[in-house]
Amino acid sequence: MTGPSHRLHRHLISIEDLDRDAIERILDRAESFDEVQGREIKKVPALRGRTVVNLFYEASTRTSSSFELAAKRLSADVVSIRSTGSSVEKGESLKDTVQTLSAYDPAAIVIRSPHVGAAQLVAGWTPAAVINAGDGKHEHPTQALLDLYTIRSKKGAIAGLHVVIIGDVLFSRVARSNIFGLLKLGARVTLVGPSTLVPRVFEKLGVTVSHKLDEVLPTADVVNLLRIQHERQRKEYFPGIGEYIRLFGLTKERGKKLKPDCLIMHPGPINRGVEIDSDLADGAQSVILDQVTNGLAIRMAVLYLCGGIATP
């Protein structure tokens, strides 16, 4: 990491690029912004007079609204671009779009794309800070950061915890970013799901792979359920809804196997009755809505640290 002490490196492309200190700096900054949310006036002037561009080439509710609100809470001007209804729909290339938007001198460009490596490309085309809001099945760094922040706020520390990630790991950018972040902060990680979606090649990252959920659940301190990425996989990867629920769904019955203080997480959107039973999604152990709330503080922290004006 380089630059003044309150800033990250210029871009946030990947959790894999960050060391432990950088991750903890983001979490600590998010904690300070979290306190702002309790005030009557929730804005701070950190990015006043600066512009943040949200460039979303994929559908998004949580991430796009969270980044937009985070920028506004930092007093930035916000320009939000979707692929539909813009020049992208007319065939404008990503490079031309980025260079056109860069003419407005934005402090940061937040990019979500279905293509792996899109954020890295954008970083080479603009002087703005670039924040990856998800690129294909590669990474989704701010989702991992908000998950880490949620775990830390509930558990006090992450080191030594057993975190079980369940579901479609192969096609999940959330899973990859979480794996990198959790391991850097000292957690033990187990991946669980069908062998087609959780191949043993992931063990090379330093995690454990299991295809037997019932054996793993009783020792979990955190379970993080992943949405099945139907849009990114061919039919043969998925065993069928009924079979998946039987083997890997967090049903009410399976919920009884969890420790009383085990956290239940999901990046959303939830397929209720598939990845998780509604009673558990809405129950006392669920921190799913906390994740949404914490996403705002994390994205404020990232925009501030990447896009803020350097201080002496």
C-alpha atoms as a PDB file:
ATOM      1  CA  MET A   1       0.000   0.000   0.000  1.00  0.00           C
ATOM      2  CA  THR A   2       1.291   3.474  -0.840  1.00  0.00           C
ATOM      3  CA  GLY A   3       0.312   7.106  -0.356  1.00  0.00           C
ATOM      4  CA  PRO A   4      -0.744   9.220   2.638  1.00  0.00           C
ATOM      5  CA  SER A   5      -1.751   7.310   5.739  1.00  0.00           C
ATOM      6  CA  HIS A   6      -5.498   7.892   5.389  1.00  0.00           C
ATOM      7  CA  ARG A   7      -5.631   6.568   1.813  1.00  0.00           C
ATOM      8  CA  LEU A   8      -5.530   3.166   0.196  1.00  0.00           C
ATOM      9  CA  HIS A   9      -3.679   2.553  -2.996  1.00  0.00           C
ATOM     10  CA  ARG A  10      -5.424   4.396  -5.809  1.00  0.00           C
ATOM     11  CA  HIS A  11      -7.860   1.626  -6.756  1.00  0.00           C
ATOM     12  CA  LEU A  12      -9.808  -1.194  -5.102  1.00  0.00           C
ATOM     13  CA  ILE A  13      -9.874  -3.971  -7.673  1.00  0.00           C
ATOM     14  CA  SER A  14      -9.431  -7.067  -5.533  1.00  0.00           C
ATOM     15  CA  ILE A  15      -9.276  -8.221  -1.910  1.00  0.00           C
ATOM     16  CA  GLU A  16      -6.364 -10.399  -3.012  1.00  0.00           C
ATOM     17  CA  ASP A  17      -4.376  -7.175  -3.552  1.00  0.00           C
ATOM     18  CA  LEU A  18      -4.848  -5.993   0.043  1.00  0.00           C
ATOM     19  CA  ASP A  19      -2.807  -6.975   3.062  1.00  0.00           C
ATOM     20  CA  ARG A  20      -4.235  -7.463   6.540  1.00  0.00           C
ATOM     21  CA  ASP A  21      -3.416  -3.918   7.637  1.00  0.00           C
ATOM     22  CA  ALA A  22      -5.207  -2.399   4.627  1.00  0.00           C
ATOM     23  CA  ILE A  23      -8.323  -4.473   5.267  1.00  0.00           C
ATOM     24  CA  GLU A  24      -8.377  -3.518   8.931  1.00  0.00           C
ATOM     25  CA  ARG A  25      -7.881   0.153   8.022  1.00  0.00           C
ATOM     26  CA  ILE A  26     -11.016   0.008   5.864  1.00  0.00           C
ATOM     27  CA  LEU A  27     -12.987  -1.732   8.628  1.00  0.00           C
ATOM     28  CA  ASP A  28     -11.825   0.828  11.190  1.00  0.00           C
ATOM     29  CA  ARG A  29     -12.762   3.731   8.917  1.00  0.00           C
ATOM     30  CA  ALA A  30     -16.170   2.122   8.290  1.00  0.00           C
ATOM     31  CA  GLU A  31     -16.679   1.964  12.057  1.00  0.00           C
ATOM     32  CA  SER A  32     -16.158   5.725  12.304  1.00  0.00           C
ATOM     33  CA  PHE A  33     -18.642   6.316   9.463  1.00  0.00           C
ATOM     34  CA  ASP A  34     -21.079   3.915  11.127  1.00  0.00           C
ATOM     35  CA  GLU A  35     -21.310   6.365  14.008  1.00  0.00           C
ATOM     36  CA  VAL A  36     -22.383   9.078  11.558  1.00  0.00           C
ATOM     37  CA  GLN A  37     -25.477   7.050  10.669  1.00  0.00           C
ATOM     38  CA  GLY A  38     -26.816   7.591  14.176  1.00  0.00           C
ATOM     39  CA  ARG A  39     -26.767  11.389  13.832  1.00  0.00           C
ATOM     40  CA  GLU A  40     -29.710  13.524  12.831  1.00  0.00           C
ATOM     41  CA  ILE A  41     -27.661  14.951   9.948  1.00  0.00           C
ATOM     42  CA  LYS A  42     -25.941  11.984   8.361  1.00  0.00           C
ATOM     43  CA  LYS A  43     -23.705  13.830   5.877  1.00  0.00           C
ATOM     44  CA  VAL A  44     -20.004  14.560   6.219  1.00  0.00           C
ATOM     45  CA  PRO A  45     -18.093  16.933   3.901  1.00  0.00           C
ATOM     46  CA  ALA A  46     -15.275  14.509   3.002  1.00  0.00           C
ATOM     47  CA  LEU A  47     -15.931  14.537  -0.773  1.00  0.00           C
ATOM     48  CA  ARG A  48     -17.657  17.902  -1.106  1.00  0.00           C
ATOM     49  CA  GLY A  49     -17.050  19.355  -4.559  1.00  0.00           C
ATOM     50  CA  ARG A  50     -15.967  15.998  -5.972  1.00  0.00           C
ATOM     51  CA  THR A  51     -17.816  13.620  -8.293  1.00  0.00           C
ATOM     52  CA  VAL A  52     -18.413   9.863  -8.052  1.00  0.00           C
ATOM     53  CA  VAL A  53     -19.525   7.956 -11.162  1.00  0.00           C
ATOM     54  CA  ASN A  54     -21.434   4.684 -10.757  1.00  0.00           C
ATOM     55  CA  LEU A  55     -21.136   2.669 -13.973  1.00  0.00           C
ATOM     56  CA  PHE A  56     -23.265  -0.479 -13.781  1.00  0.00           C
ATOM     57  CA  TYR A  57     -23.365  -2.936 -16.676  1.00  0.00           C
ATOM     58  CA  GLU A  58     -25.283  -5.502 -14.607  1.00  0.00           C
ATOM     59  CA  ALA A  59     -28.565  -5.312 -12.715  1.00  0.00           C
ATOM     60  CA  SER A  60     -28.085  -4.366  -9.066  1.00  0.00           C
ATOM     61  CA  THR A  61     -30.209  -3.154  -6.186  1.00  0.00           C
ATOM     62  CA  ARG A  62     -28.103  -3.386  -3.030  1.00  0.00           C
ATOM     63  CA  THR A  63     -24.684  -2.495  -4.412  1.00  0.00           C
ATOM     64  CA  SER A  64     -25.737   0.342  -6.716  1.00  0.00           C
ATOM     65  CA  SER A  65     -28.034   2.010  -4.160  1.00  0.00           C
ATOM     66  CA  SER A  66     -25.433   1.557  -1.431  1.00  0.00           C
ATOM     67  CA  PHE A  67     -22.646   3.196  -3.446  1.00  0.00           C
ATOM     68  CA  GLU A  68     -24.945   6.029  -4.521  1.00  0.00           C
ATOM     69  CA  LEU A  69     -26.069   6.743  -0.972  1.00  0.00           C
ATOM     70  CA  ALA A  70     -22.512   6.396   0.355  1.00  0.00           C
ATOM     71  CA  ALA A  71     -21.258   9.017  -2.096  1.00  0.00           C
ATOM     72  CA  LYS A  72     -24.107  11.380  -1.178  1.00  0.00           C
ATOM     73  CA  ARG A  73     -23.432  10.891   2.548  1.00  0.00           C
ATOM     74  CA  LEU A  74     -19.854  12.007   1.807  1.00  0.00           C
ATOM     75  CA  SER A  75     -21.315  15.118   0.075  1.00  0.00           C
ATOM     76  CA  ALA A  76     -20.101  14.085  -3.395  1.00  0.00           C
ATOM     77  CA  ASP A  77     -21.968  14.786  -6.622  1.00  0.00           C
ATOM     78  CA  VAL A  78     -23.144  11.476  -8.089  1.00  0.00           C
ATOM     79  CA  VAL A  79     -23.570  10.402 -11.705  1.00  0.00           C
ATOM     80  CA  SER A  80     -25.196   6.969 -12.105  1.00  0.00           C
ATOM     81  CA  ILE A  81     -24.999   5.252 -15.510  1.00  0.00           C
ATOM     82  CA  ARG A  82     -26.779   2.019 -16.460  1.00  0.00           C
ATOM     83  CA  SER A  83     -26.117   0.101 -19.666  1.00  0.00           C
ATOM     84  CA  THR A  84     -29.787   0.406 -20.610  1.00  0.00           C
ATOM     85  CA  GLY A  85     -30.865   3.870 -21.649  1.00  0.00           C
ATOM     86  CA  SER A  86     -27.294   5.088 -22.197  1.00  0.00           C
ATOM     87  CA  SER A  87     -24.876   5.268 -25.125  1.00  0.00           C
ATOM     88  CA  VAL A  88     -23.722   1.784 -24.131  1.00  0.00           C
ATOM     89  CA  GLU A  89     -27.005   0.540 -25.570  1.00  0.00           C
ATOM     90  CA  LYS A  90     -26.023   2.230 -28.848  1.00  0.00           C
ATOM     91  CA  GLY A  91     -22.813   0.232 -28.985  1.00  0.00           C
ATOM     92  CA  GLU A  92     -20.368   2.609 -27.291  1.00  0.00           C
ATOM     93  CA  SER A  93     -17.318   0.717 -26.037  1.00  0.00           C
ATOM     94  CA  LEU A  94     -16.402   0.551 -22.357  1.00  0.00           C
ATOM     95  CA  LYS A  95     -13.195   2.473 -23.062  1.00  0.00           C
ATOM     96  CA  ASP A  96     -15.020   5.303 -24.836  1.00  0.00           C
ATOM     97  CA  THR A  97     -17.623   5.468 -22.056  1.00  0.00           C
ATOM     98  CA  VAL A  98     -14.947   5.671 -19.361  1.00  0.00           C
ATOM     99  CA  GLN A  99     -12.921   8.303 -21.200  1.00  0.00           C
ATOM    100  CA  THR A 100     -16.043  10.393 -21.787  1.00  0.00           C
ATOM    101  CA  LEU A 101     -16.991  10.238 -18.101  1.00  0.00           C
ATOM    102  CA  SER A 102     -13.391  10.973 -17.091  1.00  0.00           C
ATOM    103  CA  ALA A 103     -13.699  14.345 -18.816  1.00  0.00           C
ATOM    104  CA  TYR A 104     -15.870  15.372 -15.838  1.00  0.00           C
ATOM    105  CA  ASP A 105     -12.849  14.811 -13.552  1.00  0.00           C
ATOM    106  CA  PRO A 106     -14.481  12.311 -11.174  1.00  0.00           C
ATOM    107  CA  ALA A 107     -12.763  11.392  -7.925  1.00  0.00           C
ATOM    108  CA  ALA A 108     -13.869   7.783  -8.360  1.00  0.00           C
ATOM    109  CA  ILE A 109     -15.531   5.474 -10.864  1.00  0.00           C
ATOM    110  CA  VAL A 110     -17.433   2.517  -9.431  1.00  0.00           C
ATOM    111  CA  ILE A 111     -17.764  -0.217 -12.066  1.00  0.00           C
ATOM    112  CA  ARG A 112     -19.838  -3.398 -12.156  1.00  0.00           C
ATOM    113  CA  SER A 113     -19.506  -5.623 -15.207  1.00  0.00           C
ATOM    114  CA  PRO A 114     -20.311  -9.208 -16.221  1.00  0.00           C
ATOM    115  CA  HIS A 115     -16.782  -9.475 -17.625  1.00  0.00           C
ATOM    116  CA  VAL A 116     -13.796 -10.631 -15.566  1.00  0.00           C
ATOM    117  CA  GLY A 117     -11.069  -7.982 -15.497  1.00  0.00           C
ATOM    118  CA  ALA A 118     -13.285  -5.045 -16.501  1.00  0.00           C
ATOM    119  CA  ALA A 119     -12.351  -2.974 -13.437  1.00  0.00           C
ATOM    120  CA  GLN A 120      -8.649  -3.511 -14.097  1.00  0.00           C
ATOM    121  CA  LEU A 121      -9.088  -2.308 -17.685  1.00  0.00           C
ATOM    122  CA  VAL A 122     -10.980   0.779 -16.530  1.00  0.00           C
ATOM    123  CA  ALA A 123      -8.138   1.614 -14.147  1.00  0.00           C
ATOM    124  CA  GLY A 124      -5.844   1.945 -17.148  1.00  0.00           C
ATOM    125  CA  TRP A 125      -8.163   4.368 -18.962  1.00  0.00           C
ATOM    126  CA  THR A 126      -8.902   6.994 -16.302  1.00  0.00           C
ATOM    127  CA  PRO A 127      -7.052   9.156 -13.769  1.00  0.00           C
ATOM    128  CA  ALA A 128      -9.928   8.541 -11.311  1.00  0.00           C
ATOM    129  CA  ALA A 129      -9.816   5.994  -8.515  1.00  0.00           C
ATOM    130  CA  VAL A 130     -11.526   2.794  -9.705  1.00  0.00           C
ATOM    131  CA  ILE A 131     -13.611   0.630  -7.363  1.00  0.00           C
ATOM    132  CA  ASN A 132     -14.667  -2.823  -8.451  1.00  0.00           C
ATOM    133  CA  ALA A 133     -18.351  -3.418  -7.655  1.00  0.00           C
ATOM    134  CA  GLY A 134     -18.193  -6.926  -9.139  1.00  0.00           C
ATOM    135  CA  ASP A 135     -16.565  -8.229 -12.318  1.00  0.00           C
ATOM    136  CA  GLY A 136     -17.969 -11.493 -13.651  1.00  0.00           C
ATOM    137  CA  LYS A 137     -17.052 -14.384 -11.389  1.00  0.00           C
ATOM    138  CA  HIS A 138     -13.735 -12.781 -10.400  1.00  0.00           C
ATOM    139  CA  GLU A 139     -14.239 -10.633  -7.271  1.00  0.00           C
ATOM    140  CA  HIS A 140     -16.654  -8.390  -5.376  1.00  0.00           C
ATOM    141  CA  PRO A 141     -14.341  -6.726  -2.844  1.00  0.00           C
ATOM    142  CA  THR A 142     -16.780  -4.395  -1.073  1.00  0.00           C
ATOM    143  CA  GLN A 143     -19.193  -7.280  -0.440  1.00  0.00           C
ATOM    144  CA  ALA A 144     -16.394  -9.198   1.264  1.00  0.00           C
ATOM    145  CA  LEU A 145     -15.429  -6.114   3.262  1.00  0.00           C
ATOM    146  CA  LEU A 146     -18.980  -5.591   4.517  1.00  0.00           C
ATOM    147  CA  ASP A 147     -19.163  -9.287   5.403  1.00  0.00           C
ATOM    148  CA  LEU A 148     -15.898  -9.025   7.346  1.00  0.00           C
ATOM    149  CA  TYR A 149     -17.154  -5.878   9.064  1.00  0.00           C
ATOM    150  CA  THR A 150     -20.415  -7.614  10.013  1.00  0.00           C
ATOM    151  CA  ILE A 151     -18.593 -10.606  11.468  1.00  0.00           C
ATOM    152  CA  ARG A 152     -16.138  -8.426  13.388  1.00  0.00           C
ATOM    153  CA  SER A 153     -18.906  -6.235  14.802  1.00  0.00           C
ATOM    154  CA  LYS A 154     -20.819  -9.289  16.059  1.00  0.00           C
ATOM    155  CA  LYS A 155     -17.925 -11.515  17.135  1.00  0.00           C
ATOM    156  CA  GLY A 156     -15.316  -8.959  18.184  1.00  0.00           C
ATOM    157  CA  ALA A 157     -12.584 -10.607  16.116  1.00  0.00           C
ATOM    158  CA  ILE A 158     -12.285 -12.821  13.044  1.00  0.00           C
ATOM    159  CA  ALA A 159      -9.078 -14.723  13.791  1.00  0.00           C
ATOM    160  CA  GLY A 160      -9.809 -18.304  14.848  1.00  0.00           C
ATOM    161  CA  LEU A 161     -13.435 -18.376  13.682  1.00  0.00           C
ATOM    162  CA  HIS A 162     -14.716 -21.230  11.529  1.00  0.00           C
ATOM    163  CA  VAL A 163     -16.572 -19.738   8.563  1.00  0.00           C
ATOM    164  CA  VAL A 164     -18.576 -22.065   6.307  1.00  0.00           C
ATOM    165  CA  ILE A 165     -19.441 -20.812   2.819  1.00  0.00           C
ATOM    166  CA  ILE A 166     -22.263 -22.817   1.250  1.00  0.00           C
ATOM    167  CA  GLY A 167     -23.433 -23.045  -2.342  1.00  0.00           C
ATOM    168  CA  ASP A 168     -22.276 -21.967  -5.761  1.00  0.00           C
ATOM    169  CA  VAL A 169     -18.630 -21.149  -5.074  1.00  0.00           C
ATOM    170  CA  LEU A 170     -17.398 -21.844  -8.608  1.00  0.00           C
ATOM    171  CA  PHE A 171     -19.325 -18.955 -10.178  1.00  0.00           C
ATOM    172  CA  SER A 172     -19.369 -16.645  -7.135  1.00  0.00           C
ATOM    173  CA  ARG A 173     -17.260 -13.476  -7.053  1.00  0.00           C
ATOM    174  CA  VAL A 174     -18.526 -12.980  -3.484  1.00  0.00           C
ATOM    175  CA  ALA A 175     -17.016 -16.309  -2.411  1.00  0.00           C
ATOM    176  CA  ARG A 176     -13.608 -15.526  -3.900  1.00  0.00           C
ATOM    177  CA  SER A 177     -13.356 -12.138  -2.216  1.00  0.00           C
ATOM    178  CA  ASN A 178     -14.571 -13.584   1.083  1.00  0.00           C
ATOM    179  CA  ILE A 179     -12.050 -16.410   0.960  1.00  0.00           C
ATOM    180  CA  PHE A 180      -9.157 -13.984   0.441  1.00  0.00           C
ATOM    181  CA  GLY A 181     -10.348 -11.631   3.167  1.00  0.00           C
ATOM    182  CA  LEU A 182     -11.191 -14.262   5.755  1.00  0.00           C
ATOM    183  CA  LEU A 183      -7.869 -16.063   5.368  1.00  0.00           C
ATOM    184  CA  LYS A 184      -5.911 -12.797   5.610  1.00  0.00           C
ATOM    185  CA  LEU A 185      -7.684 -12.043   8.908  1.00  0.00           C
ATOM    186  CA  GLY A 186      -7.011 -15.495  10.352  1.00  0.00           C
ATOM    187  CA  ALA A 187     -10.306 -17.357   9.952  1.00  0.00           C
ATOM    188  CA  ARG A 188     -10.621 -21.033   9.072  1.00  0.00           C
ATOM    189  CA  VAL A 189     -12.766 -21.464   5.949  1.00  0.00           C
ATOM    190  CA  THR A 190     -14.746 -24.478   4.745  1.00  0.00           C
ATOM    191  CA  LEU A 191     -16.525 -24.512   1.392  1.00  0.00           C
ATOM    192  CA  VAL A 192     -19.582 -26.743   1.024  1.00  0.00           C
ATOM    193  CA  GLY A 193     -21.709 -27.579  -2.008  1.00  0.00           C
ATOM    194  CA  PRO A 194     -22.100 -29.969  -4.932  1.00  0.00           C
ATOM    195  CA  SER A 195     -18.798 -31.216  -6.343  1.00  0.00           C
ATOM    196  CA  THR A 196     -19.654 -29.511  -9.640  1.00  0.00           C
ATOM    197  CA  LEU A 197     -19.902 -26.126  -7.900  1.00  0.00           C
ATOM    198  CA  VAL A 198     -17.288 -26.629  -5.164  1.00  0.00           C
ATOM    199  CA  PRO A 199     -14.395 -28.506  -6.814  1.00  0.00           C
ATOM    200  CA  ARG A 200     -11.409 -29.496  -4.700  1.00  0.00           C
ATOM    201  CA  VAL A 201      -9.146 -27.180  -6.690  1.00  0.00           C
ATOM    202  CA  PHE A 202     -10.206 -24.473  -4.213  1.00  0.00           C
ATOM    203  CA  GLU A 203      -8.156 -26.249  -1.543  1.00  0.00           C
ATOM    204  CA  LYS A 204      -5.079 -24.702  -3.192  1.00  0.00           C
ATOM    205  CA  LEU A 205      -6.224 -21.378  -1.700  1.00  0.00           C
ATOM    206  CA  GLY A 206      -5.867 -22.757   1.831  1.00  0.00           C
ATOM    207  CA  VAL A 207      -9.492 -23.685   2.531  1.00  0.00           C
ATOM    208  CA  THR A 208     -11.202 -26.998   3.256  1.00  0.00           C
ATOM    209  CA  VAL A 209     -13.705 -28.409   0.756  1.00  0.00           C
ATOM    210  CA  SER A 210     -16.593 -30.631   1.877  1.00  0.00           C
ATOM    211  CA  HIS A 211     -19.618 -32.047   0.114  1.00  0.00           C
ATOM    212  CA  LYS A 212     -21.358 -33.065   3.351  1.00  0.00           C
ATOM    213  CA  LEU A 213     -23.087 -30.079   4.933  1.00  0.00           C
ATOM    214  CA  ASP A 214     -24.462 -31.924   7.968  1.00  0.00           C
ATOM    215  CA  GLU A 215     -20.960 -32.864   9.106  1.00  0.00           C
ATOM    216  CA  VAL A 216     -19.717 -29.278   8.931  1.00  0.00           C
ATOM    217  CA  LEU A 217     -22.571 -27.218  10.409  1.00  0.00           C
ATOM    218  CA  PRO A 218     -22.126 -28.063  14.132  1.00  0.00           C
ATOM    219  CA  THR A 219     -18.643 -26.480  14.245  1.00  0.00           C
ATOM    220  CA  ALA A 220     -19.500 -23.322  12.275  1.00  0.00           C
ATOM    221  CA  ASP A 221     -19.221 -19.893  13.897  1.00  0.00           C
ATOM    222  CA  VAL A 222     -20.544 -18.255  10.713  1.00  0.00           C
ATOM    223  CA  VAL A 223     -22.441 -19.675   7.742  1.00  0.00           C
ATOM    224  CA  ASN A 224     -22.510 -17.602   4.580  1.00  0.00           C
ATOM    225  CA  LEU A 225     -25.001 -18.845   1.996  1.00  0.00           C
ATOM    226  CA  LEU A 226     -24.500 -18.079  -1.680  1.00  0.00           C
ATOM    227  CA  ARG A 227     -27.148 -17.561  -4.330  1.00  0.00           C
ATOM    228  CA  ILE A 228     -27.095 -20.102  -7.142  1.00  0.00           C
ATOM    229  CA  GLN A 229     -25.654 -18.183 -10.121  1.00  0.00           C
ATOM    230  CA  HIS A 230     -27.937 -19.650 -12.780  1.00  0.00           C
ATOM    231  CA  GLU A 231     -27.070 -16.846 -15.196  1.00  0.00           C
ATOM    232  CA  ARG A 232     -23.376 -17.817 -15.170  1.00  0.00           C
ATOM    233  CA  GLN A 233     -23.592 -21.597 -15.375  1.00  0.00           C
ATOM    234  CA  ARG A 234     -24.660 -24.252 -17.778  1.00  0.00           C
ATOM    235  CA  LYS A 235     -27.487 -26.563 -16.717  1.00  0.00           C
ATOM    236  CA  GLU A 236     -25.290 -29.564 -15.915  1.00  0.00           C
ATOM    237  CA  TYR A 237     -23.584 -27.768 -13.015  1.00  0.00           C
ATOM    238  CA  PHE A 238     -26.748 -27.712 -10.924  1.00  0.00           C
ATOM    239  CA  PRO A 239     -28.294 -30.917  -9.496  1.00  0.00           C
ATOM    240  CA  GLY A 240     -31.876 -29.586  -9.490  1.00  0.00           C
ATOM    241  CA  ILE A 241     -33.770 -27.536  -6.901  1.00  0.00           C
ATOM    242  CA  GLY A 242     -35.150 -30.468  -4.892  1.00  0.00           C
ATOM    243  CA  GLU A 243     -31.825 -32.279  -4.755  1.00  0.00           C
ATOM    244  CA  TYR A 244     -29.969 -29.110  -3.824  1.00  0.00           C
ATOM    245  CA  ILE A 245     -32.338 -28.324  -0.942  1.00  0.00           C
ATOM    246  CA  ARG A 246     -32.107 -31.893   0.338  1.00  0.00           C
ATOM    247  CA  LEU A 247     -28.305 -31.884   0.401  1.00  0.00           C
ATOM    248  CA  PHE A 248     -27.277 -28.255   0.859  1.00  0.00           C
ATOM    249  CA  GLY A 249     -30.259 -26.091   1.822  1.00  0.00           C
ATOM    250  CA  LEU A 250     -30.220 -24.482   5.266  1.00  0.00           C
ATOM    251  CA  THR A 251     -33.598 -25.878   6.303  1.00  0.00           C
ATOM    252  CA  LYS A 252     -35.288 -25.392   9.678  1.00  0.00           C
ATOM    253  CA  GLU A 253     -34.174 -28.901  10.645  1.00  0.00           C
ATOM    254  CA  ARG A 254     -30.555 -28.149   9.736  1.00  0.00           C
ATOM    255  CA  GLY A 255     -30.782 -24.886  11.638  1.00  0.00           C
ATOM    256  CA  LYS A 256     -31.057 -26.942  14.840  1.00  0.00           C
ATOM    257  CA  LYS A 257     -27.510 -28.195  14.239  1.00  0.00           C
ATOM    258  CA  LEU A 258     -26.053 -24.692  14.450  1.00  0.00           C
ATOM    259  CA  LYS A 259     -24.398 -23.277  17.538  1.00  0.00           C
ATOM    260  CA  PRO A 260     -26.731 -20.811  19.297  1.00  0.00           C
ATOM    261  CA  ASP A 261     -24.340 -17.939  18.524  1.00  0.00           C
ATOM    262  CA  CYS A 262     -23.623 -18.953  14.916  1.00  0.00           C
ATOM    263  CA  LEU A 263     -24.209 -16.076  12.486  1.00  0.00           C
ATOM    264  CA  ILE A 264     -26.278 -16.657   9.337  1.00  0.00           C
ATOM    265  CA  MET A 265     -25.283 -14.512   6.354  1.00  0.00           C
ATOM    266  CA  HIS A 266     -26.329 -14.108   2.721  1.00  0.00           C
ATOM    267  CA  PRO A 267     -25.169 -11.502   0.175  1.00  0.00           C
ATOM    268  CA  GLY A 268     -28.630 -11.369  -1.426  1.00  0.00           C
ATOM    269  CA  PRO A 269     -30.831 -11.589  -3.264  1.00  0.00           C
ATOM    270  CA  ILE A 270     -32.121 -14.603  -1.310  1.00  0.00           C
ATOM    271  CA  ASN A 271     -33.867 -17.528  -2.958  1.00  0.00           C
ATOM    272  CA  ARG A 272     -36.073 -18.305   0.041  1.00  0.00           C
ATOM    273  CA  GLY A 273     -36.760 -21.983   0.475  1.00  0.00           C
ATOM    274  CA  VAL A 274     -33.755 -22.904  -1.668  1.00  0.00           C
ATOM    275  CA  GLU A 275     -30.533 -21.650  -0.045  1.00  0.00           C
ATOM    276  CA  ILE A 276     -32.274 -20.944   3.253  1.00  0.00           C
ATOM    277  CA  ASP A 277     -35.641 -21.360   4.962  1.00  0.00           C
ATOM    278  CA  SER A 278     -37.507 -18.099   5.542  1.00  0.00           C
ATOM    279  CA  ASP A 279     -37.717 -18.689   9.303  1.00  0.00           C
ATOM    280  CA  LEU A 280     -33.918 -18.794   9.505  1.00  0.00           C
ATOM    281  CA  ALA A 281     -33.421 -15.873   7.101  1.00  0.00           C
ATOM    282  CA  ASP A 282     -35.625 -13.743   9.365  1.00  0.00           C
ATOM    283  CA  GLY A 283     -34.568 -15.340  12.658  1.00  0.00           C
ATOM    284  CA  ALA A 284     -32.451 -14.204  15.587  1.00  0.00           C
ATOM    285  CA  GLN A 285     -29.201 -15.636  14.203  1.00  0.00           C
ATOM    286  CA  SER A 286     -29.582 -13.910  10.852  1.00  0.00           C
ATOM    287  CA  VAL A 287     -27.442 -10.827  10.201  1.00  0.00           C
ATOM    288  CA  ILE A 288     -28.567 -10.471   6.570  1.00  0.00           C
ATOM    289  CA  LEU A 289     -30.101  -7.019   7.083  1.00  0.00           C
ATOM    290  CA  ASP A 290     -27.060  -5.968   9.123  1.00  0.00           C
ATOM    291  CA  GLN A 291     -24.980  -6.775   6.050  1.00  0.00           C
ATOM    292  CA  VAL A 292     -27.066  -4.359   3.983  1.00  0.00           C
ATOM    293  CA  THR A 293     -26.735  -1.620   6.612  1.00  0.00           C
ATOM    294  CA  ASN A 294     -23.008  -2.223   7.015  1.00  0.00           C
ATOM    295  CA  GLY A 295     -22.531  -2.024   3.254  1.00  0.00           C
ATOM    296  CA  LEU A 296     -23.199   1.701   3.439  1.00  0.00           C
ATOM    297  CA  ALA A 297     -20.463   2.354   6.014  1.00  0.00           C
ATOM    298  CA  ILE A 298     -17.988   0.144   4.132  1.00  0.00           C
ATOM    299  CA  ARG A 299     -18.626   1.888   0.821  1.00  0.00           C
ATOM    300  CA  MET A 300     -18.307   5.290   2.477  1.00  0.00           C
ATOM    301  CA  ALA A 301     -14.938   4.132   3.836  1.00  0.00           C
ATOM    302  CA  VAL A 302     -13.754   2.843   0.464  1.00  0.00           C
ATOM    303  CA  LEU A 303     -14.827   5.990  -1.408  1.00  0.00           C
ATOM    304  CA  TYR A 304     -13.129   8.137   1.219  1.00  0.00           C
ATOM    305  CA  LEU A 305      -9.896   6.150   1.286  1.00  0.00           C
ATOM    306  CA  CYS A 306      -9.601   5.696  -2.482  1.00  0.00           C
ATOM    307  CA  GLY A 307     -11.168   8.901  -3.749  1.00  0.00           C
ATOM    308  CA  GLY A 308     -10.501  11.377  -0.942  1.00  0.00           C
ATOM    309  CA  ILE A 309      -8.201  14.330  -1.255  1.00  0.00           C
ATOM    310  CA  ALA A 310      -4.796  13.540   0.214  1.00  0.00           C
ATOM    311  CA  THR A 311      -3.867  15.422   3.374  1.00  0.00           C
ATOM    312  CA  PRO A 312      -0.315  16.436   4.347  1.00  0.00           C
END
